Every structure is written in structure tokens, then in C-alpha cells.
C-alpha atoms as a PDB file:
ATOM      1  CA  MET A   1      -0.117  -0.026   0.134  1.00  0.00           C
ATOM      2  CA  ALA A   2       1.335   3.401  -0.942  1.00  0.00           C
ATOM      3  CA  GLN A   3       2.575   5.682   1.825  1.00  0.00           C
ATOM      4  CA  ASN A   4       2.857   9.365   1.644  1.00  0.00           C
ATOM      5  CA  GLN A   5       4.077  12.119   3.910  1.00  0.00           C
ATOM      6  CA  GLU A   6       2.197  15.315   3.672  1.00  0.00           C
ATOM      7  CA  ASN A   7       2.252  18.658   5.428  1.00  0.00           C
ATOM      8  CA  ALA A   8      -1.483  18.916   5.946  1.00  0.00           C
ATOM      9  CA  ILE A   9      -3.357  22.207   6.578  1.00  0.00           C
ATOM     10  CA  ILE A  10      -6.016  21.946   9.252  1.00  0.00           C
ATOM     11  CA  THR A  11      -9.416  22.824   7.695  1.00  0.00           C
ATOM     12  CA  SER A  12     -11.750  22.164  10.661  1.00  0.00           C
ATOM     13  CA  VAL A  13     -11.780  21.577  14.293  1.00  0.00           C
ATOM     14  CA  GLU A  14     -14.776  20.502  16.273  1.00  0.00           C
ATOM     15  CA  GLN A  15     -15.086  19.984  20.028  1.00  0.00           C
ATOM     16  CA  LEU A  16     -17.726  17.282  20.322  1.00  0.00           C
ATOM     17  CA  SER A  17     -17.554  17.025  24.052  1.00  0.00           C
ATOM     18  CA  ALA A  18     -15.309  17.954  26.895  1.00  0.00           C
ATOM     19  CA  GLU A  19     -12.745  15.564  25.802  1.00  0.00           C
ATOM     20  CA  ASN A  20     -13.423  14.423  22.262  1.00  0.00           C
ATOM     21  CA  PHE A  21     -12.434  16.367  19.174  1.00  0.00           C
ATOM     22  CA  ARG A  22     -12.892  15.870  15.293  1.00  0.00           C
ATOM     23  CA  MET A  23     -10.170  17.486  13.268  1.00  0.00           C
ATOM     24  CA  GLY A  24     -10.152  17.836   9.371  1.00  0.00           C
ATOM     25  CA  PHE A  25      -7.039  18.303   7.154  1.00  0.00           C
ATOM     26  CA  HIS A  26      -6.372  18.837   3.596  1.00  0.00           C
ATOM     27  CA  ALA A  27      -4.168  15.773   2.737  1.00  0.00           C
ATOM     28  CA  PRO A  28      -4.962  14.854  -0.888  1.00  0.00           C
ATOM     29  CA  LYS A  29      -2.239  12.215  -1.532  1.00  0.00           C
ATOM     30  CA  ILE A  30      -3.281  10.237   1.562  1.00  0.00           C
ATOM     31  CA  ALA A  31      -6.881  10.808   1.095  1.00  0.00           C
ATOM     32  CA  ALA A  32      -6.705   9.559  -2.461  1.00  0.00           C
ATOM     33  CA  VAL A  33      -5.405   5.923  -1.554  1.00  0.00           C
ATOM     34  CA  ALA A  34      -6.857   5.616   2.083  1.00  0.00           C
ATOM     35  CA  HIS A  35      -8.969   2.539   2.781  1.00  0.00           C
ATOM     36  CA  PRO A  36     -11.368   2.163   5.831  1.00  0.00           C
ATOM     37  CA  GLY A  37      -9.533   0.789   8.813  1.00  0.00           C
ATOM     38  CA  GLN A  38      -6.124   2.229   7.936  1.00  0.00           C
ATOM     39  CA  PHE A  39      -4.257   4.764  10.098  1.00  0.00           C
ATOM     40  CA  VAL A  40      -1.901   7.758   9.933  1.00  0.00           C
ATOM     41  CA  MET A  41       1.067   8.777  12.108  1.00  0.00           C
ATOM     42  CA  VAL A  42       0.740  12.629  13.181  1.00  0.00           C
ATOM     43  CA  ARG A  43       3.278  15.040  14.457  1.00  0.00           C
ATOM     44  CA  ARG A  44       3.037  18.857  14.825  1.00  0.00           C
ATOM     45  CA  MET A  45       5.026  20.879  12.446  1.00  0.00           C
ATOM     46  CA  GLY A  46       8.320  22.520  13.696  1.00  0.00           C
ATOM     47  CA  SER A  47       8.286  20.920  17.018  1.00  0.00           C
ATOM     48  CA  THR A  48       9.631  17.807  18.709  1.00  0.00           C
ATOM     49  CA  ASP A  49       7.206  18.019  21.696  1.00  0.00           C
ATOM     50  CA  PRO A  50       6.092  15.284  21.739  1.00  0.00           C
ATOM     51  CA  LEU A  51       9.168  13.531  20.005  1.00  0.00           C
ATOM     52  CA  LEU A  52       7.282  10.684  18.428  1.00  0.00           C
ATOM     53  CA  ARG A  53       4.331  10.745  15.984  1.00  0.00           C
ATOM     54  CA  ARG A  54       1.093   9.673  17.291  1.00  0.00           C
ATOM     55  CA  PRO A  55      -1.242   7.013  15.534  1.00  0.00           C
ATOM     56  CA  PHE A  56      -4.789   7.745  14.670  1.00  0.00           C
ATOM     57  CA  CYS A  57      -7.279   5.742  12.587  1.00  0.00           C
ATOM     58  CA  ILE A  58      -8.851   7.566   9.635  1.00  0.00           C
ATOM     59  CA  HIS A  59     -12.307   8.728  10.711  1.00  0.00           C
ATOM     60  CA  GLN A  60     -13.544   9.943   7.364  1.00  0.00           C
ATOM     61  CA  VAL A  61     -12.157  10.852   3.826  1.00  0.00           C
ATOM     62  CA  ASP A  62     -14.043  13.108   1.233  1.00  0.00           C
ATOM     63  CA  ASP A  63     -13.607  13.534  -2.518  1.00  0.00           C
ATOM     64  CA  ASP A  64     -11.824  16.790  -2.370  1.00  0.00           C
ATOM     65  CA  GLY A  65      -8.684  15.538  -0.549  1.00  0.00           C
ATOM     66  CA  GLY A  66     -10.009  15.924   2.874  1.00  0.00           C
ATOM     67  CA  LEU A  67      -9.329  13.648   5.786  1.00  0.00           C
ATOM     68  CA  GLN A  68     -10.811  13.514   9.300  1.00  0.00           C
ATOM     69  CA  LEU A  69      -9.430  12.247  12.715  1.00  0.00           C
ATOM     70  CA  TYR A  70     -11.668  11.790  15.816  1.00  0.00           C
ATOM     71  CA  PHE A  71      -9.638  11.617  19.053  1.00  0.00           C
ATOM     72  CA  LYS A  72      -9.888  11.984  22.924  1.00  0.00           C
ATOM     73  CA  VAL A  73      -7.519  14.174  24.888  1.00  0.00           C
ATOM     74  CA  VAL A  74      -5.736  11.551  27.008  1.00  0.00           C
ATOM     75  CA  GLY A  75      -2.242  13.013  27.369  1.00  0.00           C
ATOM     76  CA  ARG A  76       0.246  15.664  26.419  1.00  0.00           C
ATOM     77  CA  GLY A  77       0.211  14.772  22.773  1.00  0.00           C
ATOM     78  CA  THR A  78      -3.582  14.749  22.127  1.00  0.00           C
ATOM     79  CA  LYS A  79      -3.938  17.854  24.433  1.00  0.00           C
ATOM     80  CA  LEU A  80      -1.418  19.801  22.258  1.00  0.00           C
ATOM     81  CA  LEU A  81      -3.262  18.536  19.029  1.00  0.00           C
ATOM     82  CA  SER A  82      -6.628  19.678  20.350  1.00  0.00           C
ATOM     83  CA  GLN A  83      -5.176  23.269  20.700  1.00  0.00           C
ATOM     84  CA  LEU A  84      -4.267  23.662  17.180  1.00  0.00           C
ATOM     85  CA  THR A  85      -6.297  25.968  14.918  1.00  0.00           C
ATOM     86  CA  LEU A  86      -7.423  26.397  11.443  1.00  0.00           C
ATOM     87  CA  GLY A  87      -4.703  26.964   8.934  1.00  0.00           C
ATOM     88  CA  GLU A  88      -1.966  25.396  11.064  1.00  0.00           C
ATOM     89  CA  GLU A  89      -0.130  22.319   9.644  1.00  0.00           C
ATOM     90  CA  LEU A  90       0.543  18.909  10.836  1.00  0.00           C
ATOM     91  CA  SER A  91       3.103  16.339   9.316  1.00  0.00           C
ATOM     92  CA  ILE A  92       1.091  13.176   8.468  1.00  0.00           C
ATOM     93  CA  LEU A  93       2.441   9.830   7.391  1.00  0.00           C
ATOM     94  CA  GLY A  94       0.040   7.350   5.827  1.00  0.00           C
ATOM     95  CA  PRO A  95      -2.086   5.632   5.097  1.00  0.00           C
ATOM     96  CA  LEU A  96      -0.649   2.848   7.050  1.00  0.00           C
ATOM     97  CA  GLY A  97      -1.542  -0.831   8.006  1.00  0.00           C
ATOM     98  CA  LYS A  98      -4.130  -3.241   6.670  1.00  0.00           C
ATOM     99  CA  GLY A  99      -7.785  -1.997   6.632  1.00  0.00           C
ATOM    100  CA  PHE A 100     -11.022  -3.693   6.544  1.00  0.00           C
ATOM    101  CA  ALA A 101     -11.854  -6.335   3.819  1.00  0.00           C
ATOM    102  CA  LEU A 102     -14.917  -4.850   2.257  1.00  0.00           C
ATOM    103  CA  VAL A 103     -17.785  -7.313   1.696  1.00  0.00           C
ATOM    104  CA  ASN A 104     -20.078  -5.366  -0.569  1.00  0.00           C
ATOM    105  CA  ASN A 105     -23.778  -5.875  -1.148  1.00  0.00           C
ATOM    106  CA  ARG A 106     -24.278  -8.106   1.821  1.00  0.00           C
ATOM    107  CA  PRO A 107     -25.878  -7.639   5.012  1.00  0.00           C
ATOM    108  CA  ALA A 108     -23.444  -5.960   7.553  1.00  0.00           C
ATOM    109  CA  CYS A 109     -23.296  -5.127  11.253  1.00  0.00           C
ATOM    110  CA  LEU A 110     -20.751  -2.583  12.545  1.00  0.00           C
ATOM    111  CA  VAL A 111     -20.245  -2.517  16.280  1.00  0.00           C
ATOM    112  CA  GLY A 112     -18.233   0.423  17.752  1.00  0.00           C
ATOM    113  CA  GLY A 113     -17.596   1.308  21.435  1.00  0.00           C
ATOM    114  CA  GLY A 114     -16.106   4.605  22.637  1.00  0.00           C
ATOM    115  CA  LEU A 115     -13.167   5.692  20.499  1.00  0.00           C
ATOM    116  CA  GLY A 116     -13.799   2.441  18.515  1.00  0.00           C
ATOM    117  CA  ILE A 117     -16.518   4.412  16.664  1.00  0.00           C
ATOM    118  CA  ALA A 118     -13.862   6.398  14.862  1.00  0.00           C
ATOM    119  CA  PRO A 119     -12.900   4.032  11.963  1.00  0.00           C
ATOM    120  CA  LEU A 120     -16.454   3.021  11.331  1.00  0.00           C
ATOM    121  CA  LEU A 121     -17.790   6.227   9.688  1.00  0.00           C
ATOM    122  CA  PHE A 122     -15.411   5.702   6.677  1.00  0.00           C
ATOM    123  CA  LEU A 123     -16.205   2.153   6.630  1.00  0.00           C
ATOM    124  CA  THR A 124     -19.929   2.851   6.681  1.00  0.00           C
ATOM    125  CA  ARG A 125     -19.677   5.275   3.919  1.00  0.00           C
ATOM    126  CA  LYS A 126     -17.853   2.761   1.590  1.00  0.00           C
ATOM    127  CA  LEU A 127     -20.181  -0.106   2.475  1.00  0.00           C
ATOM    128  CA  ALA A 128     -23.219   2.221   1.779  1.00  0.00           C
ATOM    129  CA  GLU A 129     -21.920   3.214  -1.559  1.00  0.00           C
ATOM    130  CA  GLY A 130     -21.366  -0.453  -2.661  1.00  0.00           C
ATOM    131  CA  ALA A 131     -24.860  -1.525  -1.447  1.00  0.00           C
ATOM    132  CA  ASP A 132     -28.091  -1.854  -3.388  1.00  0.00           C
ATOM    133  CA  ASP A 133     -30.018  -1.349  -0.034  1.00  0.00           C
ATOM    134  CA  PRO A 134     -27.942   0.482   2.630  1.00  0.00           C
ATOM    135  CA  SER A 135     -30.743  -0.158   5.300  1.00  0.00           C
ATOM    136  CA  GLN A 136     -29.338  -3.688   5.215  1.00  0.00           C
ATOM    137  CA  ILE A 137     -26.327  -2.205   7.165  1.00  0.00           C
ATOM    138  CA  ARG A 138     -26.763  -1.926  10.878  1.00  0.00           C
ATOM    139  CA  VAL A 139     -24.438   0.302  12.996  1.00  0.00           C
ATOM    140  CA  ILE A 140     -24.362  -0.037  16.792  1.00  0.00           C
ATOM    141  CA  LEU A 141     -22.810   2.723  18.617  1.00  0.00           C
ATOM    142  CA  GLY A 142     -21.899   2.770  22.383  1.00  0.00           C
ATOM    143  CA  GLY A 143     -20.166   4.776  24.964  1.00  0.00           C
ATOM    144  CA  ARG A 144     -19.911   5.782  28.668  1.00  0.00           C
ATOM    145  CA  SER A 145     -22.510   8.681  28.185  1.00  0.00           C
ATOM    146  CA  ARG A 146     -24.473  10.906  25.667  1.00  0.00           C
ATOM    147  CA  ALA A 147     -21.478  12.923  25.152  1.00  0.00           C
ATOM    148  CA  GLU A 148     -19.466  10.031  23.463  1.00  0.00           C
ATOM    149  CA  VAL A 149     -22.258   8.866  21.129  1.00  0.00           C
ATOM    150  CA  GLU A 150     -25.021  11.515  20.279  1.00  0.00           C
ATOM    151  CA  PRO A 151     -22.722  13.806  18.297  1.00  0.00           C
ATOM    152  CA  LEU A 152     -21.969  11.119  15.865  1.00  0.00           C
ATOM    153  CA  VAL A 153     -25.264   9.537  15.207  1.00  0.00           C
ATOM    154  CA  ALA A 154     -26.276  11.985  12.379  1.00  0.00           C
ATOM    155  CA  ASP A 155     -23.047  11.335  10.663  1.00  0.00           C
ATOM    156  CA  PHE A 156     -23.837   7.621  10.282  1.00  0.00           C
ATOM    157  CA  GLU A 157     -27.544   8.087   9.670  1.00  0.00           C
ATOM    158  CA  GLN A 158     -26.790  10.258   6.395  1.00  0.00           C
ATOM    159  CA  TYR A 159     -25.939   7.219   4.595  1.00  0.00           C
ATOM    160  CA  GLY A 160     -29.277   5.379   4.988  1.00  0.00           C
ATOM    161  CA  VAL A 161     -28.039   2.733   7.284  1.00  0.00           C
ATOM    162  CA  GLN A 162     -29.778   1.733  10.611  1.00  0.00           C
ATOM    163  CA  VAL A 163     -28.330   3.077  13.734  1.00  0.00           C
ATOM    164  CA  PHE A 164     -28.701   1.729  17.229  1.00  0.00           C
ATOM    165  CA  SER A 165     -27.180   3.628  20.159  1.00  0.00           C
ATOM    166  CA  THR A 166     -26.567   2.776  23.787  1.00  0.00           C
ATOM    167  CA  THR A 167     -24.728   4.157  26.741  1.00  0.00           C
ATOM    168  CA  ASP A 168     -23.270   2.633  29.971  1.00  0.00           C
ATOM    169  CA  ASP A 169     -25.221   5.349  32.067  1.00  0.00           C
ATOM    170  CA  GLY A 170     -28.517   5.341  30.099  1.00  0.00           C
ATOM    171  CA  SER A 171     -28.239   9.072  29.247  1.00  0.00           C
ATOM    172  CA  PHE A 172     -28.774   8.682  25.551  1.00  0.00           C
ATOM    173  CA  VAL A 173     -31.337   6.245  23.799  1.00  0.00           C
ATOM    174  CA  ARG A 174     -30.903   3.307  26.340  1.00  0.00           C
ATOM    175  CA  LYS A 175     -28.712   1.931  29.124  1.00  0.00           C
ATOM    176  CA  GLY A 176     -26.604  -1.014  28.394  1.00  0.00           C
ATOM    177  CA  PHE A 177     -23.662  -2.358  26.314  1.00  0.00           C
ATOM    178  CA  VAL A 178     -23.259  -2.616  22.587  1.00  0.00           C
ATOM    179  CA  THR A 179     -23.103  -6.484  22.852  1.00  0.00           C
ATOM    180  CA  GLU A 180     -26.580  -6.464  24.341  1.00  0.00           C
ATOM    181  CA  VAL A 181     -27.897  -4.582  21.385  1.00  0.00           C
ATOM    182  CA  LEU A 182     -26.006  -6.996  19.047  1.00  0.00           C
ATOM    183  CA  GLN A 183     -27.662 -10.107  20.565  1.00  0.00           C
ATOM    184  CA  GLU A 184     -31.087  -8.553  20.007  1.00  0.00           C
ATOM    185  CA  GLN A 185     -30.348  -8.377  16.253  1.00  0.00           C
ATOM    186  CA  ALA A 186     -31.795 -10.927  13.932  1.00  0.00           C
ATOM    187  CA  LEU A 187     -28.596 -11.245  11.729  1.00  0.00           C
ATOM    188  CA  VAL A 188     -28.822 -13.467   8.648  1.00  0.00           C
ATOM    189  CA  ALA A 189     -26.105 -16.135   8.134  1.00  0.00           C
ATOM    190  CA  ASP A 190     -24.125 -14.180   5.440  1.00  0.00           C
ATOM    191  CA  CYS A 191     -23.920 -11.111   7.484  1.00  0.00           C
ATOM    192  CA  GLN A 192     -20.501  -9.553   7.957  1.00  0.00           C
ATOM    193  CA  VAL A 193     -19.703  -8.073  11.344  1.00  0.00           C
ATOM    194  CA  TYR A 194     -16.992  -5.404  11.899  1.00  0.00           C
ATOM    195  CA  THR A 195     -16.071  -4.153  15.138  1.00  0.00           C
ATOM    196  CA  CYS A 196     -13.725  -1.737  17.044  1.00  0.00           C
ATOM    197  CA  GLY A 197     -13.438  -0.823  20.624  1.00  0.00           C
ATOM    198  CA  PRO A 198     -12.161  -1.899  23.907  1.00  0.00           C
ATOM    199  CA  GLU A 199     -10.720  -5.402  23.817  1.00  0.00           C
ATOM    200  CA  ALA A 200     -13.101  -6.933  26.315  1.00  0.00           C
ATOM    201  CA  MET A 201     -16.064  -5.539  24.105  1.00  0.00           C
ATOM    202  CA  MET A 202     -14.524  -7.045  20.885  1.00  0.00           C
ATOM    203  CA  ALA A 203     -14.041 -10.432  22.599  1.00  0.00           C
ATOM    204  CA  ARG A 204     -17.654 -10.551  23.495  1.00  0.00           C
ATOM    205  CA  VAL A 205     -18.659  -9.477  19.928  1.00  0.00           C
ATOM    206  CA  PHE A 206     -16.445 -12.250  18.488  1.00  0.00           C
ATOM    207  CA  GLU A 207     -17.834 -14.793  20.947  1.00  0.00           C
ATOM    208  CA  HIS A 208     -21.435 -14.043  19.720  1.00  0.00           C
ATOM    209  CA  CYS A 209     -20.305 -14.269  16.172  1.00  0.00           C
ATOM    210  CA  GLN A 210     -18.841 -17.646  16.895  1.00  0.00           C
ATOM    211  CA  GLU A 211     -22.101 -18.912  18.463  1.00  0.00           C
ATOM    212  CA  LYS A 212     -24.100 -17.516  15.353  1.00  0.00           C
ATOM    213  CA  GLY A 213     -21.505 -18.640  12.638  1.00  0.00           C
ATOM    214  CA  LEU A 214     -20.984 -14.995  11.549  1.00  0.00           C
ATOM    215  CA  ALA A 215     -17.763 -13.810  10.059  1.00  0.00           C
ATOM    216  CA  CYS A 216     -16.103 -11.077  12.110  1.00  0.00           C
ATOM    217  CA  GLN A 217     -13.366  -8.420  11.529  1.00  0.00           C
ATOM    218  CA  VAL A 218     -11.802  -6.523  14.268  1.00  0.00           C
ATOM    219  CA  SER A 219      -9.701  -3.418  14.338  1.00  0.00           C
ATOM    220  CA  VAL A 220      -7.224  -3.652  17.123  1.00  0.00           C
ATOM    221  CA  GLU A 221      -6.040  -0.517  19.086  1.00  0.00           C
ATOM    222  CA  LYS A 222      -2.306  -0.643  20.219  1.00  0.00           C
ATOM    223  CA  GLU A 223       0.247   2.023  21.298  1.00  0.00           C
ATOM    224  CA  MET A 224       3.032   2.313  18.555  1.00  0.00           C
ATOM    225  CA  ALA A 225       6.112   4.432  17.989  1.00  0.00           C
ATOM    226  CA  CYS A 226       6.835   4.099  14.355  1.00  0.00           C
ATOM    227  CA  GLY A 227       3.738   2.771  12.399  1.00  0.00           C
ATOM    228  CA  ILE A 228       5.996   0.880   9.857  1.00  0.00           C
ATOM    229  CA  GLY A 229       7.121  -2.236  11.725  1.00  0.00           C
ATOM    230  CA  ALA A 230      10.517  -1.013  12.815  1.00  0.00           C
ATOM    231  CA  CYS A 231      10.172  -0.441  16.631  1.00  0.00           C
ATOM    232  CA  LEU A 232       8.393  -3.773  17.227  1.00  0.00           C
ATOM    233  CA  GLY A 233       6.350  -2.139  19.951  1.00  0.00           C
ATOM    234  CA  CYS A 234       2.860  -3.066  18.895  1.00  0.00           C
ATOM    235  CA  CYS A 235       3.013  -6.951  19.312  1.00  0.00           C
ATOM    236  CA  LYS A 236      -0.196  -8.883  19.710  1.00  0.00           C
ATOM    237  CA  THR A 237      -0.579 -12.608  20.440  1.00  0.00           C
ATOM    238  CA  LYS A 238      -2.212 -14.648  17.715  1.00  0.00           C
ATOM    239  CA  ALA A 239      -4.368 -17.503  18.359  1.00  0.00           C
ATOM    240  CA  ASP A 240      -1.611 -20.026  17.487  1.00  0.00           C
ATOM    241  CA  GLY A 241       0.750 -18.408  20.160  1.00  0.00           C
ATOM    242  CA  THR A 242       2.934 -16.513  17.732  1.00  0.00           C
ATOM    243  CA  TYR A 243       2.976 -12.804  17.571  1.00  0.00           C
ATOM    244  CA  THR A 244       1.757 -10.217  14.947  1.00  0.00           C
ATOM    245  CA  HIS A 245       2.714  -6.611  14.572  1.00  0.00           C
ATOM    246  CA  VAL A 246      -0.503  -4.490  14.518  1.00  0.00           C
ATOM    247  CA  CYS A 247       1.138  -1.529  12.574  1.00  0.00           C
ATOM    248  CA  ILE A 248       1.857  -3.635   9.341  1.00  0.00           C
ATOM    249  CA  ASN A 249      -0.189  -6.909   9.719  1.00  0.00           C
ATOM    250  CA  GLY A 250      -3.148  -4.946  11.193  1.00  0.00           C
ATOM    251  CA  PRO A 251      -4.801  -3.145  12.616  1.00  0.00           C
ATOM    252  CA  VAL A 252      -7.603  -5.158  11.184  1.00  0.00           C
ATOM    253  CA  TYR A 253      -7.813  -8.862  11.596  1.00  0.00           C
ATOM    254  CA  ASN A 254     -10.322 -11.719  11.097  1.00  0.00           C
ATOM    255  CA  ALA A 255     -11.126 -12.299  14.672  1.00  0.00           C
ATOM    256  CA  GLU A 256     -10.160 -15.907  14.785  1.00  0.00           C
ATOM    257  CA  GLU A 257      -6.659 -14.889  13.986  1.00  0.00           C
ATOM    258  CA  LEU A 258      -6.065 -13.505  17.371  1.00  0.00           C
ATOM    259  CA  GLN A 259      -5.953 -14.798  20.907  1.00  0.00           C
ATOM    260  CA  TRP A 260      -8.613 -13.472  23.174  1.00  0.00           C
ATOM    261  CA  LYS A 261      -8.866 -13.263  26.880  1.00  0.00           C
ATOM    262  CA  LYS A 262     -11.718 -15.357  28.376  1.00  0.00           C
END
């Protein structure tokens, strides 16, 4: 997969909650070849604080060379990123990694929890574009509270898909977990499930898929320093006990390839 390094101009900054931000850039070379599920490595221009690039999944891409990231302020790097303004530049390397294998024109169910919602918007767009009937695509969004879910619902609904929402505290739509909503869905045998979120959540999604005989792809979140397989810091255990490097072999895997904690 082609990789590009671009000095990308910030075109939009949205604060969707106290901690969650969405940022848009003009990065036409990366946007032209990006695939749902891939990621980019980001660094502030003219600064070595922080020293290493930060990985972010691609949230959305548009036809005019625009690219969006959705992130939560969790440390110094993301705090500094959230303080940037329109017209400033970032150094972006990407697209990196292996994305989702698109199964077009088949029923699909996308399950996202917390920041795991981020890569599913780009995926939803591509699946809807390839579907005769986008309403056969179901999207289940979950978070701790209303602030993590409600601001994103309309972005998914614009593609004509079915959207189901739930929150841990019951502050938006219903109280519960995405896995509970998943279990309520009457998914047909050829439905493709895609999921991203906390590992325990994805393990439960995969367990349900095994019980129902459904194919399941997972997008794994791992800390990484390089994004190109050099630092070997993003190892994950496979089902056979060997290791995989998420940055080059993932972040998307067929769920049965990986080892899951019971």
C-alpha cells in the first residue's frame, strides 16, 4: 500500500464533548489512496514535543482531498493536538496498515464502542456506496455517556443505514452495552460483522459471532512508536501463540486470527 508524507493544513476543528475532538485536514495524497480501517501517524510541524508521532485511525475521507481524525484528549500529545487552530499544519504519514476487507452488497453489522467508533464512519460510507440497499447495514454505537455517542449519530444516519445507540449510564437512547444490542439483532447467516473498541467488548462480539456462525473482522488498538514495523512495540498474540505486529499486519484482523482473553 502506498505511503505518503504530507504537510497537511487544518481545515476544521470540532469539539464534540469535553474530551473528544474531530479535526479535518487537506491531505490529498493520503486521502486518494486511504482505505477504511487504515491509520496515519501525526506530528506537529516545527516541534519535537512530543518527540514521536502519534497514531490515529482514519475517521473519514472526502472526495476533495479531505481527511478527518476523531480523538480523545488523554495525554500531552492529544492535548497539544486539540489546541491547534485552522490554517496550522501537521506532518502526516500514511495511510498505514491493513484495513477492513469490504464485503459489498451483503448485510453488515458494525459495532463500535467509545473511540472505537472512529474508523467505522469511513467504513460505513464505503459499504453504503457499494450496497443496493444501505438499510441492510446496521451500526451499533456505544459509549460511557451521551457525549460520546449523540454527536456522531447523524454522521452515520446520512448514509441510509440503521443506527442503534446505547450508553453505560443510560443518558442517551438506552442503558446497556453494545453487545446486548448486538444479541437482539436477527442477523442473517451471511452477515459480515465489523467491530472496533475496547478489547473486552470485541471479545464478546467475537464470541457472539462464533455462536451464530458469523464472520467477524476486528480493528485492534495498540500503542506504537513508528507505524512501519521498525520499533516492534505493537506486538499482539495470535491464536496459535505466535506474534503479529499491529502496525503492518493489522490493525484489522479476522477475529479468529487473534488470541482473546476469556
